[in-house]
Amino acid sequence: MTLFEELQWRGLIKDMAGEDLEKVLNGKPITFYWGTDPTADSLHLGHYSSLVTAKRLAKAGHHPILLVGGATGLIGDPRPTAEREIISKETLNKNLEGIQAQVSKIFNGQAEVVNNYDWFKGYELTDFLRDVGKYININYMLDKDIIRRRLDSGITFAEFTYTLIQGYDFLWLYENKGCVLQAEGSDQWGNITTGLDLIKKKTGKDAYAFTMPLVLDKYGNKFGKSEGNALWLDEEKTSSYELYQYLINVDDEMVISYLKIFTFLTPEEIEKLEKSNNENPHLREAHKALAREIITDLHGEQAYLDAVKISESLFSGNIKDLTSKQLEDAFKGIEPFVAEEGNLVDFLVKFDVCSSKREAREFIQNSSISVNGDKITDLEFQITKNDAIEHKYVVIRRGKKKYFIGKFE
């Protein structure tokens, strides 16, 4: 396959601009860009499809520029329903530093990272209106889908002009960095075409662009959203184990399209996994490959192996195989209770594992209580700090899936 054919096979091209886009992508190296506003100090899994696509183009020999919007982030890209919350400059700068470091790591320092605040910070408003605003018709802006959808509820002037600012980004990169292609998610098509129009009207030349479909689950929700919370690419915000659990449990009917979008596995490898997914879905080979490829790319092979170990140890009950750090990853988001030494029956009641001593005794006698992976049937069993994992954590399992974690001080 050519690069263009592979992008199409993977479902990564929705909208296109430029008659010779296929020839440009398959030809000699060009410079292209993808951008994001620093609304948080980390990118999340939803951004990852754009990052992977950028890496695909880079692997084909094209030069990537990743734009972090220090200027556009001060305004906020219009949302379909309401204005974005304005963040402080201090928060924005902190977010900007986090994303720049993250992108540099993901691309092994091979991607050029730029900040559009660098070319806007000294730009006088009147000069911008004269140099840029005069080239874009109001009717043209009103016809942008995101703006048209906000007209009834209202849209601020700042949001209204966002498309001019992003359009100028493309023009600036075209003139100063030789950037001839923009690749974004499909929700940015209106802003992309503003940039293409500016380049054409200001220079008389054509630039190129394509958008990627937004990645959704089978219910139409954005990929990487878990109970309303983003799954962050920063390992300190979302552990590799959390990513593993999300990816290993994605819908069977979506996993093959995710393998095409998010991994560098070859078409032959993906077709083999598709066959396995259809014939032996219980093996979850496609899901495991998806988790392996994404986590290894983001956090490294060891982080993936640790995530697998945590998952397998919890499933098998081999809690003692885990380190305290792995336990913290496994139970992230659950505040451990302050453990105390003592009789197991009293322990279970005191820390709300069981509602009464009678219930505690019944669970113990029915082999339904495990302490650090060991089933306990002795009503006189004593919990001590010396038996805790690394003299720190005690993990109680009640039944098959109910876990409680305590920490000795």
Protein backbone atom coordinates (compact mmCIF):
# COMPACT_ATOMS: atom_id res chain seq x y z
CA MET A 1 0.00 0.00 0.00
CA THR A 2 1.01 3.59 -0.54
CA LEU A 3 0.77 5.92 2.47
CA PHE A 4 -2.49 7.38 1.16
CA GLU A 5 -3.97 3.92 0.57
CA GLU A 6 -3.00 2.83 4.05
CA LEU A 7 -4.55 5.94 5.63
CA GLN A 8 -7.76 5.15 3.77
CA TRP A 9 -7.67 1.46 4.75
CA ARG A 10 -7.28 2.45 8.38
CA GLY A 11 -10.25 4.81 8.12
CA LEU A 12 -8.16 7.90 8.85
CA ILE A 13 -9.35 10.22 6.08
CA LYS A 14 -12.75 11.88 6.16
CA ASP A 15 -12.43 15.33 4.50
CA MET A 16 -9.73 16.29 2.00
CA ALA A 17 -8.52 19.54 0.45
CA GLY A 18 -6.09 19.80 -2.45
CA GLU A 19 -6.49 18.09 -5.81
CA ASP A 20 -3.10 16.40 -5.58
CA LEU A 21 -3.30 15.39 -1.88
CA GLU A 22 -2.73 11.72 -2.65
CA LYS A 23 0.32 12.55 -4.76
CA VAL A 24 1.65 14.93 -2.09
CA LEU A 25 1.32 12.35 0.71
CA ASN A 26 2.94 9.61 -1.39
CA GLY A 27 5.67 11.88 -2.74
CA LYS A 28 8.77 13.59 -1.43
CA PRO A 29 8.94 14.79 2.21
CA ILE A 30 6.72 17.73 3.15
CA THR A 31 6.10 19.63 6.38
CA PHE A 32 2.70 19.21 8.04
CA TYR A 33 1.13 20.21 11.33
CA TRP A 34 -1.44 19.20 13.91
CA GLY A 35 -2.47 21.40 16.80
CA THR A 36 -4.18 21.39 20.18
CA ASP A 37 -5.04 23.97 22.80
CA PRO A 38 -3.55 23.48 26.30
CA THR A 39 -6.84 23.12 28.18
CA ALA A 40 -5.19 20.59 30.53
CA ASP A 41 -1.61 19.70 31.48
CA SER A 42 -1.83 16.41 29.58
CA LEU A 43 -3.33 15.12 26.38
CA HIS A 44 -5.86 12.30 26.70
CA LEU A 45 -6.61 9.12 24.81
CA GLY A 46 -8.98 10.97 22.49
CA HIS A 47 -6.03 13.03 21.21
CA TYR A 48 -3.98 9.91 20.61
CA SER A 49 -5.46 9.11 17.19
CA SER A 50 -4.11 12.42 15.85
CA LEU A 51 -0.73 11.80 17.45
CA VAL A 52 -0.51 8.32 15.93
CA THR A 53 -1.53 9.64 12.51
CA ALA A 54 1.17 12.31 12.79
CA LYS A 55 3.68 9.57 13.65
CA ARG A 56 2.55 7.62 10.59
CA LEU A 57 3.29 10.58 8.35
CA ALA A 58 6.62 11.09 10.11
CA LYS A 59 7.55 7.42 9.57
CA ALA A 60 6.84 7.98 5.86
CA GLY A 61 9.46 10.76 5.84
CA HIS A 62 7.31 13.86 6.36
CA HIS A 63 8.29 16.49 8.93
CA PRO A 64 5.79 16.96 11.80
CA ILE A 65 5.09 20.24 13.56
CA LEU A 66 2.94 19.97 16.68
CA LEU A 67 1.33 23.30 17.49
CA VAL A 68 0.34 23.96 21.10
CA GLY A 69 -2.04 26.91 21.20
CA GLY A 70 -0.76 29.33 23.77
CA ALA A 71 -2.75 32.08 22.03
CA THR A 72 -5.86 30.16 20.96
CA GLY A 73 -6.01 28.54 24.39
CA LEU A 74 -6.64 31.97 25.91
CA ILE A 75 -9.89 32.17 23.93
CA GLY A 76 -11.09 28.62 23.51
CA ASP A 77 -12.39 26.80 20.47
CA PRO A 78 -16.19 27.22 20.24
CA ARG A 79 -18.11 24.23 21.56
CA PRO A 80 -21.48 23.17 20.08
CA THR A 81 -23.45 24.06 23.22
CA ALA A 82 -21.70 26.73 25.28
CA GLU A 83 -18.60 28.87 25.66
CA ARG A 84 -15.53 27.22 27.12
CA GLU A 85 -14.40 28.27 30.55
CA ILE A 86 -11.60 30.83 30.36
CA ILE A 87 -8.44 29.61 32.10
CA SER A 88 -5.80 31.85 33.65
CA LYS A 89 -2.52 32.57 31.87
CA GLU A 90 -0.66 30.86 34.72
CA THR A 91 -2.69 27.66 34.30
CA LEU A 92 -2.37 27.81 30.53
CA ASN A 93 1.42 28.14 30.71
CA LYS A 94 1.63 25.20 33.12
CA ASN A 95 -0.54 23.13 30.78
CA LEU A 96 1.56 24.20 27.82
CA GLU A 97 4.77 23.00 29.44
CA GLY A 98 3.20 19.65 30.30
CA ILE A 99 1.93 19.01 26.79
CA GLN A 100 5.18 20.11 25.14
CA ALA A 101 7.16 17.68 27.29
CA GLN A 102 4.65 14.91 26.60
CA VAL A 103 4.70 15.37 22.83
CA SER A 104 8.48 15.49 22.81
CA LYS A 105 8.60 12.19 24.68
CA ILE A 106 6.04 10.47 22.44
CA PHE A 107 7.94 11.54 19.31
CA ASN A 108 11.36 10.85 20.84
CA GLY A 109 12.27 14.50 20.30
CA GLN A 110 11.79 14.17 16.52
CA ALA A 111 8.76 16.46 16.25
CA GLU A 112 9.06 20.23 16.13
CA VAL A 113 6.83 21.79 18.80
CA VAL A 114 5.68 25.39 18.33
CA ASN A 115 3.49 27.79 20.31
CA ASN A 116 1.23 30.18 18.40
CA TYR A 117 1.53 32.75 21.19
CA ASP A 118 5.04 33.39 19.85
CA TRP A 119 3.67 35.04 16.70
CA PHE A 120 0.58 36.61 18.27
CA LYS A 121 2.08 38.25 21.37
CA GLY A 122 3.22 41.37 19.53
CA TYR A 123 0.51 41.48 16.89
CA GLU A 124 -1.55 44.68 17.07
CA LEU A 125 -5.31 44.16 16.74
CA THR A 126 -5.65 46.72 13.97
CA ASP A 127 -2.83 45.08 12.04
CA PHE A 128 -4.45 41.66 12.44
CA LEU A 129 -7.80 42.95 11.22
CA ARG A 130 -6.15 44.59 8.23
CA ASP A 131 -3.83 41.69 7.41
CA VAL A 132 -6.26 38.83 8.07
CA GLY A 133 -9.81 40.02 8.79
CA LYS A 134 -10.24 41.81 5.47
CA TYR A 135 -9.73 38.55 3.57
CA ILE A 136 -12.52 36.59 5.29
CA ASN A 137 -16.17 37.44 4.59
CA ILE A 138 -18.64 37.53 7.50
CA ASN A 139 -21.12 35.42 5.53
CA TYR A 140 -18.36 32.84 5.05
CA MET A 141 -17.77 32.73 8.82
CA LEU A 142 -21.49 32.50 9.61
CA ASP A 143 -21.73 29.46 7.38
CA LYS A 144 -19.22 27.54 9.50
CA ASP A 145 -21.07 24.64 11.09
CA ILE A 146 -19.98 25.28 14.67
CA ILE A 147 -20.82 29.00 14.44
CA ARG A 148 -24.17 28.39 12.74
CA ARG A 149 -25.16 25.95 15.51
CA ARG A 150 -24.43 28.55 18.17
CA LEU A 151 -26.29 31.50 16.64
CA ASP A 152 -29.58 30.78 18.39
CA SER A 153 -28.05 30.38 21.86
CA GLY A 154 -25.46 33.10 21.27
CA ILE A 155 -21.75 33.21 20.56
CA THR A 156 -19.21 35.73 21.83
CA PHE A 157 -17.07 37.82 19.52
CA ALA A 158 -13.97 36.11 20.91
CA GLU A 159 -15.28 32.67 19.93
CA PHE A 160 -16.52 34.01 16.60
CA THR A 161 -13.02 35.14 15.64
CA TYR A 162 -11.33 31.89 16.72
CA THR A 163 -11.46 30.57 13.17
CA LEU A 164 -9.48 33.63 11.96
CA ILE A 165 -6.78 33.00 14.52
CA GLN A 166 -6.42 29.31 13.71
CA GLY A 167 -6.56 30.11 10.02
CA TYR A 168 -3.69 32.54 10.49
CA ASP A 169 -1.70 29.81 12.26
CA PHE A 170 -1.74 27.79 9.04
CA LEU A 171 -0.75 30.86 7.00
CA TRP A 172 2.11 31.69 9.39
CA LEU A 173 3.42 28.13 9.34
CA TYR A 174 3.10 28.06 5.54
CA GLU A 175 5.11 31.25 5.14
CA ASN A 176 7.67 30.70 7.92
CA LYS A 177 8.05 26.93 8.20
CA GLY A 178 7.18 25.76 4.70
CA CYS A 179 4.21 23.86 6.14
CA VAL A 180 1.86 22.82 3.32
CA LEU A 181 -0.49 20.35 5.05
CA GLN A 182 -2.73 20.39 8.11
CA ALA A 183 -4.15 17.18 9.61
CA GLU A 184 -6.78 17.40 12.36
CA GLY A 185 -9.90 15.78 13.74
CA SER A 186 -13.01 16.31 11.65
CA ASP A 187 -14.43 18.83 14.14
CA GLN A 188 -11.73 21.27 12.97
CA TRP A 189 -12.69 21.25 9.28
CA GLY A 190 -14.21 24.73 9.40
CA ASN A 191 -11.05 26.23 10.91
CA ILE A 192 -8.85 24.33 8.47
CA THR A 193 -10.68 25.70 5.42
CA THR A 194 -10.25 29.24 6.79
CA GLY A 195 -6.50 28.67 6.77
CA LEU A 196 -6.59 27.25 3.25
CA ASP A 197 -8.55 30.27 2.04
CA LEU A 198 -6.13 32.70 3.70
CA ILE A 199 -3.15 30.99 2.12
CA LYS A 200 -4.79 31.09 -1.31
CA LYS A 201 -5.84 34.75 -1.04
CA LYS A 202 -2.56 35.98 0.50
CA THR A 203 -0.06 33.95 -1.53
CA GLY A 204 -2.01 32.78 -4.56
CA LYS A 205 -0.92 29.20 -3.84
CA ASP A 206 -2.72 26.07 -2.69
CA ALA A 207 -2.12 24.17 0.53
CA TYR A 208 -3.46 20.78 1.58
CA ALA A 209 -5.42 19.26 4.43
CA PHE A 210 -7.29 16.21 5.57
CA THR A 211 -9.35 15.40 8.63
CA MET A 212 -9.70 12.19 10.60
CA PRO A 213 -13.12 10.99 11.78
CA LEU A 214 -13.67 11.46 15.50
CA VAL A 215 -13.11 8.13 17.25
CA LEU A 216 -16.24 6.96 19.05
CA ASP A 217 -17.41 3.86 20.89
CA LYS A 218 -20.42 1.90 19.71
CA TYR A 219 -22.73 4.21 21.68
CA GLY A 220 -21.40 7.34 19.99
CA ASN A 221 -19.34 8.49 22.97
CA LYS A 222 -15.82 9.80 22.45
CA PHE A 223 -13.12 7.15 22.70
CA GLY A 224 -11.13 7.31 25.90
CA LYS A 225 -13.88 8.71 28.11
CA SER A 226 -14.50 6.66 31.23
CA GLU A 227 -17.57 7.63 33.25
CA GLY A 228 -17.15 11.20 32.06
CA ASN A 229 -13.44 11.36 32.89
CA ALA A 230 -10.68 11.46 30.30
CA LEU A 231 -8.03 8.77 30.27
CA TRP A 232 -4.85 10.84 30.28
CA LEU A 233 -1.67 10.00 28.41
CA ASP A 234 0.36 11.15 31.42
CA GLU A 235 1.16 8.02 33.45
CA GLU A 236 0.97 10.00 36.70
CA LYS A 237 -2.65 10.96 35.94
CA THR A 238 -3.80 7.68 34.42
CA SER A 239 -1.73 4.60 35.23
CA SER A 240 -0.80 2.00 32.64
CA TYR A 241 -3.00 -0.44 34.57
CA GLU A 242 -6.02 1.87 34.20
CA LEU A 243 -5.34 2.18 30.46
CA TYR A 244 -4.97 -1.60 30.24
CA GLN A 245 -8.31 -2.19 31.93
CA TYR A 246 -10.06 0.24 29.59
CA LEU A 247 -8.49 -1.16 26.43
CA ILE A 248 -8.89 -4.83 27.32
CA ASN A 249 -12.61 -4.21 27.80
CA VAL A 250 -13.47 -2.17 24.69
CA ASP A 251 -16.41 -3.45 22.66
CA ASP A 252 -15.67 -6.50 20.54
CA GLU A 253 -17.26 -4.88 17.50
CA MET A 254 -14.98 -1.82 17.78
CA VAL A 255 -11.60 -3.37 18.60
CA ILE A 256 -10.49 -4.00 15.00
CA SER A 257 -11.18 -0.42 13.92
CA TYR A 258 -9.23 0.75 16.99
CA LEU A 259 -6.30 -1.47 16.00
CA LYS A 260 -6.30 0.17 12.58
CA ILE A 261 -6.45 3.69 14.02
CA PHE A 262 -4.22 3.48 17.09
CA THR A 263 -1.49 0.95 16.26
CA PHE A 264 1.31 0.41 13.78
CA LEU A 265 0.47 -3.26 13.29
CA THR A 266 0.46 -4.23 9.62
CA PRO A 267 -2.76 -4.98 7.72
CA GLU A 268 -1.79 -8.65 7.73
CA GLU A 269 -1.35 -8.68 11.51
CA ILE A 270 -4.65 -6.90 12.04
CA GLU A 271 -6.51 -9.25 9.68
CA LYS A 272 -5.14 -12.20 11.66
CA LEU A 273 -6.38 -10.63 14.90
CA GLU A 274 -9.75 -9.94 13.29
CA LYS A 275 -10.08 -13.63 12.46
CA SER A 276 -9.26 -14.55 16.05
CA ASN A 277 -11.72 -11.96 17.36
CA ASN A 278 -14.48 -13.46 15.21
CA GLU A 279 -13.72 -17.13 15.85
CA ASN A 280 -12.41 -17.06 19.43
CA PRO A 281 -13.58 -13.81 21.03
CA HIS A 282 -13.06 -15.23 24.54
CA LEU A 283 -9.28 -15.23 23.98
CA ARG A 284 -9.37 -11.42 23.54
CA GLU A 285 -6.21 -11.52 21.45
CA ALA A 286 -7.19 -8.37 19.56
CA HIS A 287 -7.87 -6.50 22.80
CA LYS A 288 -4.56 -7.60 24.30
CA ALA A 289 -2.73 -6.45 21.18
CA LEU A 290 -4.48 -3.07 21.33
CA ALA A 291 -3.46 -2.60 24.97
CA ARG A 292 0.10 -3.78 24.30
CA GLU A 293 0.66 -1.45 21.35
CA ILE A 294 -0.80 1.69 22.92
CA ILE A 295 0.70 1.32 26.40
CA THR A 296 4.12 0.35 25.05
CA ASP A 297 4.13 3.34 22.70
CA LEU A 298 3.11 5.74 25.48
CA HIS A 299 4.82 4.40 28.58
CA GLY A 300 7.25 1.70 27.47
CA GLU A 301 7.31 -2.09 27.46
CA GLN A 302 7.91 -2.46 31.20
CA ALA A 303 4.84 -0.37 32.03
CA TYR A 304 2.78 -2.69 29.82
CA LEU A 305 4.22 -5.81 31.47
CA ASP A 306 3.48 -4.33 34.91
CA ALA A 307 -0.11 -3.64 33.88
CA VAL A 308 -0.53 -7.24 32.71
CA LYS A 309 1.00 -8.54 35.93
CA ILE A 310 -1.34 -6.46 38.09
CA SER A 311 -4.35 -7.65 36.12
CA GLU A 312 -3.36 -11.30 36.23
CA SER A 313 -2.44 -11.17 39.92
CA LEU A 314 -5.78 -9.65 40.88
CA PHE A 315 -7.65 -12.18 38.75
CA SER A 316 -5.76 -15.16 40.17
CA GLY A 317 -5.58 -13.83 43.71
CA ASN A 318 -1.77 -13.79 43.77
CA ILE A 319 -1.69 -10.44 45.53
CA LYS A 320 1.67 -11.15 47.16
CA ASP A 321 3.31 -11.08 43.73
CA LEU A 322 2.69 -7.34 43.53
CA THR A 323 4.86 -4.52 44.82
CA SER A 324 3.40 -1.68 46.86
CA LYS A 325 3.70 0.60 43.80
CA GLN A 326 1.76 -1.89 41.68
CA LEU A 327 -0.90 -2.10 44.38
CA GLU A 328 -1.18 1.68 44.42
CA ASP A 329 -1.73 1.61 40.65
CA ALA A 330 -4.28 -1.19 40.95
CA PHE A 331 -6.30 0.62 43.62
CA LYS A 332 -5.78 4.16 42.38
CA GLY A 333 -8.71 6.33 43.31
CA ILE A 334 -9.54 4.24 46.38
CA GLU A 335 -8.39 5.82 49.62
CA PRO A 336 -6.92 3.03 51.80
CA PHE A 337 -8.13 2.82 55.36
CA VAL A 338 -5.59 3.09 58.18
CA ALA A 339 -4.99 -0.54 59.12
CA GLU A 340 -4.44 -1.82 62.64
CA GLU A 341 -3.20 -5.17 63.90
CA GLY A 342 -5.76 -7.48 65.44
CA ASN A 343 -8.18 -10.39 65.10
CA LEU A 344 -9.56 -10.83 61.59
CA VAL A 345 -13.21 -10.88 62.67
CA ASP A 346 -12.85 -7.58 64.51
CA PHE A 347 -10.78 -6.19 61.62
CA LEU A 348 -13.49 -6.96 59.04
CA VAL A 349 -16.17 -5.24 61.10
CA LYS A 350 -14.10 -2.22 62.10
CA PHE A 351 -13.16 -1.41 58.51
CA ASP A 352 -16.62 -2.05 57.05
CA VAL A 353 -15.72 -5.17 55.10
CA CYS A 354 -18.56 -6.90 56.94
CA SER A 355 -21.58 -5.40 58.70
CA SER A 356 -21.35 -7.52 61.86
CA LYS A 357 -19.24 -10.11 63.63
CA ARG A 358 -21.82 -12.76 62.72
CA GLU A 359 -21.52 -11.89 59.03
CA ALA A 360 -17.71 -11.80 59.30
CA ARG A 361 -17.63 -15.28 60.80
CA GLU A 362 -19.94 -16.60 58.08
CA PHE A 363 -17.75 -15.18 55.30
CA ILE A 364 -14.60 -16.62 56.89
CA GLN A 365 -16.14 -20.07 57.46
CA ASN A 366 -17.44 -20.12 53.86
CA SER A 367 -13.90 -19.41 52.51
CA SER A 368 -15.08 -16.06 51.17
CA ILE A 369 -12.37 -13.93 52.78
CA SER A 370 -8.82 -13.61 51.43
CA VAL A 371 -6.00 -11.64 53.02
CA ASN A 372 -3.28 -10.66 50.54
CA GLY A 373 -4.46 -13.47 48.27
CA ASP A 374 -4.61 -16.20 50.93
CA LYS A 375 -8.01 -17.63 51.81
CA ILE A 376 -8.55 -17.52 55.55
CA THR A 377 -10.88 -19.94 57.35
CA ASP A 378 -9.45 -19.56 60.86
CA LEU A 379 -11.69 -17.39 63.03
CA GLU A 380 -8.71 -16.68 65.31
CA PHE A 381 -6.47 -15.40 62.49
CA GLN A 382 -4.47 -12.32 63.43
CA ILE A 383 -3.61 -9.54 60.98
CA THR A 384 -0.16 -8.07 61.63
CA LYS A 385 2.03 -5.50 59.98
CA ASN A 386 4.72 -8.13 59.41
CA ASP A 387 2.37 -10.02 57.10
CA ALA A 388 1.52 -6.89 55.08
CA ILE A 389 2.94 -6.47 51.59
CA GLU A 390 6.25 -4.65 52.06
CA HIS A 391 5.05 -4.14 55.67
CA LYS A 392 2.64 -1.59 54.31
CA TYR A 393 -0.51 -2.83 52.56
CA VAL A 394 -3.13 -5.41 53.42
CA VAL A 395 -5.64 -6.33 50.73
CA ILE A 396 -8.90 -7.97 51.73
CA ARG A 397 -11.07 -9.68 49.15
CA ARG A 398 -14.65 -10.55 50.06
CA GLY A 399 -16.24 -12.95 47.65
CA LYS A 400 -14.97 -12.92 44.07
CA LYS A 401 -14.74 -9.21 43.22
CA LYS A 402 -15.10 -7.04 46.33
CA TYR A 403 -11.71 -5.60 47.33
CA PHE A 404 -10.68 -3.46 50.30
CA ILE A 405 -7.20 -2.09 50.94
CA GLY A 406 -5.64 -0.94 54.17
CA LYS A 407 -2.35 0.74 54.86
CA PHE A 408 -0.25 0.40 57.98
CA GLU A 409 1.31 3.65 59.13
